[in-house]
């Protein structure tokens, strides 16, 4: 197998030996940024429709309970997003995005609580 690799190198005009895949570019794996957990608040995908259900169909029992189930699920997800945003604030990374997520999620959860308790 090594003889085949040397034959290919000589055929291409390259007299150098090949480097193993692990030794080629180890820095490239380390430079890739990690994806942020809270770049788009997923909890608002659930809290938003729950607020709309309460606003327009909150008088009916099925609308209220559907909004409550969807809203509680969104609130549980919001807790994890809130913790990730606070952790990012403490590490002083992406300060503006972290503050935005904290305000957005806290406002959504607060409004959901106000709407659910107002019945």
C-alpha atoms as a PDB file:
ATOM      1  CA  UNK A   1       0.000   0.000   0.000  1.00  0.00           C
ATOM      2  CA  UNK A   2       2.867   2.358   0.809  1.00  0.00           C
ATOM      3  CA  UNK A   3       4.466   1.503  -2.504  1.00  0.00           C
ATOM      4  CA  UNK A   4       1.272   2.553  -4.282  1.00  0.00           C
ATOM      5  CA  UNK A   5       1.271   5.882  -2.468  1.00  0.00           C
ATOM      6  CA  UNK A   6       4.916   6.521  -3.398  1.00  0.00           C
ATOM      7  CA  UNK A   7       4.181   5.577  -7.000  1.00  0.00           C
ATOM      8  CA  UNK A   8       1.314   8.055  -7.112  1.00  0.00           C
ATOM      9  CA  UNK A   9       3.481  10.803  -5.620  1.00  0.00           C
ATOM     10  CA  UNK A  10       6.229  10.186  -8.157  1.00  0.00           C
ATOM     11  CA  UNK A  11       3.690  10.128 -10.991  1.00  0.00           C
ATOM     12  CA  UNK A  12       2.407  13.513  -9.923  1.00  0.00           C
ATOM     13  CA  UNK A  13       5.887  14.938  -9.580  1.00  0.00           C
ATOM     14  CA  UNK A  14       5.740  15.246  -5.833  1.00  0.00           C
ATOM     15  CA  UNK A  15       8.571  13.462  -4.096  1.00  0.00           C
ATOM     16  CA  UNK A  16       7.229  14.279  -0.627  1.00  0.00           C
ATOM     17  CA  UNK A  17       5.579  11.767   1.655  1.00  0.00           C
ATOM     18  CA  UNK A  18       1.948  12.241   2.611  1.00  0.00           C
ATOM     19  CA  UNK A  19       1.078  13.432   6.076  1.00  0.00           C
ATOM     20  CA  UNK A  20      -1.470  11.452   8.076  1.00  0.00           C
ATOM     21  CA  UNK A  21      -4.937  13.006   8.276  1.00  0.00           C
ATOM     22  CA  UNK A  22      -4.537  13.700  11.982  1.00  0.00           C
ATOM     23  CA  UNK A  23      -1.366  15.749  11.498  1.00  0.00           C
ATOM     24  CA  UNK A  24      -2.518  17.856   8.557  1.00  0.00           C
ATOM     25  CA  UNK A  25      -4.654  20.561  10.137  1.00  0.00           C
ATOM     26  CA  UNK A  26      -5.355  20.105  13.837  1.00  0.00           C
ATOM     27  CA  UNK A  27      -5.908  23.837  14.346  1.00  0.00           C
ATOM     28  CA  UNK A  28      -8.813  23.889  11.911  1.00  0.00           C
ATOM     29  CA  UNK A  29     -10.971  21.802  14.263  1.00  0.00           C
ATOM     30  CA  UNK A  30     -10.219  24.102  17.186  1.00  0.00           C
ATOM     31  CA  UNK A  31     -10.978  27.359  15.355  1.00  0.00           C
ATOM     32  CA  UNK A  32     -14.571  26.550  14.507  1.00  0.00           C
ATOM     33  CA  UNK A  33     -16.933  28.611  16.692  1.00  0.00           C
ATOM     34  CA  UNK A  34     -19.453  26.783  18.801  1.00  0.00           C
ATOM     35  CA  UNK A  35     -23.096  27.296  17.938  1.00  0.00           C
ATOM     36  CA  UNK A  36     -24.923  29.414  20.462  1.00  0.00           C
ATOM     37  CA  UNK A  37     -27.781  27.858  22.355  1.00  0.00           C
ATOM     38  CA  UNK A  38     -29.810  31.029  22.545  1.00  0.00           C
ATOM     39  CA  UNK A  39     -29.234  32.726  19.190  1.00  0.00           C
ATOM     40  CA  UNK A  40     -32.961  32.444  18.467  1.00  0.00           C
ATOM     41  CA  UNK A  41     -35.256  32.014  21.480  1.00  0.00           C
ATOM     42  CA  UNK A  42     -37.090  28.783  20.691  1.00  0.00           C
ATOM     43  CA  UNK A  43     -39.381  29.192  23.670  1.00  0.00           C
ATOM     44  CA  UNK A  44     -41.066  32.161  22.012  1.00  0.00           C
ATOM     45  CA  UNK A  45     -42.207  29.851  19.216  1.00  0.00           C
ATOM     46  CA  UNK A  46     -44.445  28.260  21.848  1.00  0.00           C
ATOM     47  CA  UNK A  47     -45.152  31.256  24.078  1.00  0.00           C
ATOM     48  CA  UNK A  48     -46.209  33.458  21.137  1.00  0.00           C
ATOM     49  CA  UNK A  49     -49.027  31.199  19.892  1.00  0.00           C
ATOM     50  CA  UNK A  50     -50.118  30.606  23.495  1.00  0.00           C
ATOM     51  CA  UNK A  51     -50.489  34.366  23.995  1.00  0.00           C
ATOM     52  CA  UNK A  52     -52.405  34.658  20.728  1.00  0.00           C
ATOM     53  CA  UNK A  53     -54.727  31.829  21.741  1.00  0.00           C
ATOM     54  CA  UNK A  54     -55.407  33.508  25.069  1.00  0.00           C
ATOM     55  CA  UNK A  55     -55.980  36.857  23.389  1.00  0.00           C
ATOM     56  CA  UNK A  56     -58.419  35.720  20.719  1.00  0.00           C
ATOM     57  CA  UNK A  57     -59.868  32.416  21.983  1.00  0.00           C
ATOM     58  CA  UNK A  58     -59.282  32.683  25.729  1.00  0.00           C
ATOM     59  CA  UNK A  59     -62.999  32.804  26.518  1.00  0.00           C
ATOM     60  CA  UNK A  60     -63.486  29.209  25.438  1.00  0.00           C
ATOM     61  CA  UNK A  61     -62.311  26.431  27.696  1.00  0.00           C
ATOM     62  CA  UNK A  62     -60.422  24.541  24.997  1.00  0.00           C
ATOM     63  CA  UNK A  63     -58.544  27.696  23.964  1.00  0.00           C
ATOM     64  CA  UNK A  64     -57.543  28.456  27.541  1.00  0.00           C
ATOM     65  CA  UNK A  65     -56.284  24.935  28.312  1.00  0.00           C
ATOM     66  CA  UNK A  66     -54.514  24.545  24.978  1.00  0.00           C
ATOM     67  CA  UNK A  67     -52.756  27.855  25.551  1.00  0.00           C
ATOM     68  CA  UNK A  68     -51.866  26.778  29.089  1.00  0.00           C
ATOM     69  CA  UNK A  69     -50.261  23.520  27.937  1.00  0.00           C
ATOM     70  CA  UNK A  70     -48.370  25.174  25.087  1.00  0.00           C
ATOM     71  CA  UNK A  71     -47.342  28.067  27.309  1.00  0.00           C
ATOM     72  CA  UNK A  72     -46.054  25.891  30.137  1.00  0.00           C
ATOM     73  CA  UNK A  73     -43.975  23.892  27.666  1.00  0.00           C
ATOM     74  CA  UNK A  74     -42.541  27.153  26.304  1.00  0.00           C
ATOM     75  CA  UNK A  75     -41.849  28.353  29.839  1.00  0.00           C
ATOM     76  CA  UNK A  76     -39.862  25.208  30.651  1.00  0.00           C
ATOM     77  CA  UNK A  77     -37.748  25.761  27.533  1.00  0.00           C
ATOM     78  CA  UNK A  78     -37.404  29.442  28.469  1.00  0.00           C
ATOM     79  CA  UNK A  79     -35.801  28.483  31.785  1.00  0.00           C
ATOM     80  CA  UNK A  80     -32.951  26.757  29.944  1.00  0.00           C
ATOM     81  CA  UNK A  81     -32.542  29.669  27.530  1.00  0.00           C
ATOM     82  CA  UNK A  82     -32.554  32.116  30.421  1.00  0.00           C
ATOM     83  CA  UNK A  83     -29.813  30.186  32.234  1.00  0.00           C
ATOM     84  CA  UNK A  84     -27.697  30.006  29.063  1.00  0.00           C
ATOM     85  CA  UNK A  85     -28.088  33.745  28.508  1.00  0.00           C
ATOM     86  CA  UNK A  86     -27.147  34.562  32.116  1.00  0.00           C
ATOM     87  CA  UNK A  87     -24.113  32.278  31.874  1.00  0.00           C
ATOM     88  CA  UNK A  88     -23.062  34.095  28.704  1.00  0.00           C
ATOM     89  CA  UNK A  89     -23.485  37.445  30.450  1.00  0.00           C
ATOM     90  CA  UNK A  90     -21.309  36.310  33.339  1.00  0.00           C
ATOM     91  CA  UNK A  91     -18.594  35.206  30.905  1.00  0.00           C
ATOM     92  CA  UNK A  92     -18.913  38.539  29.090  1.00  0.00           C
ATOM     93  CA  UNK A  93     -19.599  36.948  25.714  1.00  0.00           C
ATOM     94  CA  UNK A  94     -22.171  38.290  23.274  1.00  0.00           C
ATOM     95  CA  UNK A  95     -23.428  40.800  25.804  1.00  0.00           C
ATOM     96  CA  UNK A  96     -26.027  42.476  23.583  1.00  0.00           C
ATOM     97  CA  UNK A  97     -27.527  39.179  22.394  1.00  0.00           C
ATOM     98  CA  UNK A  98     -27.636  37.868  25.952  1.00  0.00           C
ATOM     99  CA  UNK A  99     -29.417  40.942  27.270  1.00  0.00           C
ATOM    100  CA  UNK A 100     -31.874  40.780  24.365  1.00  0.00           C
ATOM    101  CA  UNK A 101     -32.711  37.129  25.051  1.00  0.00           C
ATOM    102  CA  UNK A 102     -33.104  37.729  28.797  1.00  0.00           C
ATOM    103  CA  UNK A 103     -35.506  40.630  28.199  1.00  0.00           C
ATOM    104  CA  UNK A 104     -37.450  38.861  25.464  1.00  0.00           C
ATOM    105  CA  UNK A 105     -37.891  35.587  27.336  1.00  0.00           C
ATOM    106  CA  UNK A 106     -38.681  37.276  30.658  1.00  0.00           C
ATOM    107  CA  UNK A 107     -41.289  39.508  28.999  1.00  0.00           C
ATOM    108  CA  UNK A 108     -42.893  36.555  27.207  1.00  0.00           C
ATOM    109  CA  UNK A 109     -43.114  34.460  30.357  1.00  0.00           C
ATOM    110  CA  UNK A 110     -44.446  37.420  32.355  1.00  0.00           C
ATOM    111  CA  UNK A 111     -47.146  38.191  29.784  1.00  0.00           C
ATOM    112  CA  UNK A 112     -48.159  34.540  29.645  1.00  0.00           C
ATOM    113  CA  UNK A 113     -48.487  34.451  33.431  1.00  0.00           C
ATOM    114  CA  UNK A 114     -50.585  37.630  33.437  1.00  0.00           C
ATOM    115  CA  UNK A 115     -52.895  36.287  30.725  1.00  0.00           C
ATOM    116  CA  UNK A 116     -53.314  32.886  32.371  1.00  0.00           C
ATOM    117  CA  UNK A 117     -54.027  34.358  35.789  1.00  0.00           C
ATOM    118  CA  UNK A 118     -56.482  36.909  34.382  1.00  0.00           C
ATOM    119  CA  UNK A 119     -59.188  34.366  33.674  1.00  0.00           C
END
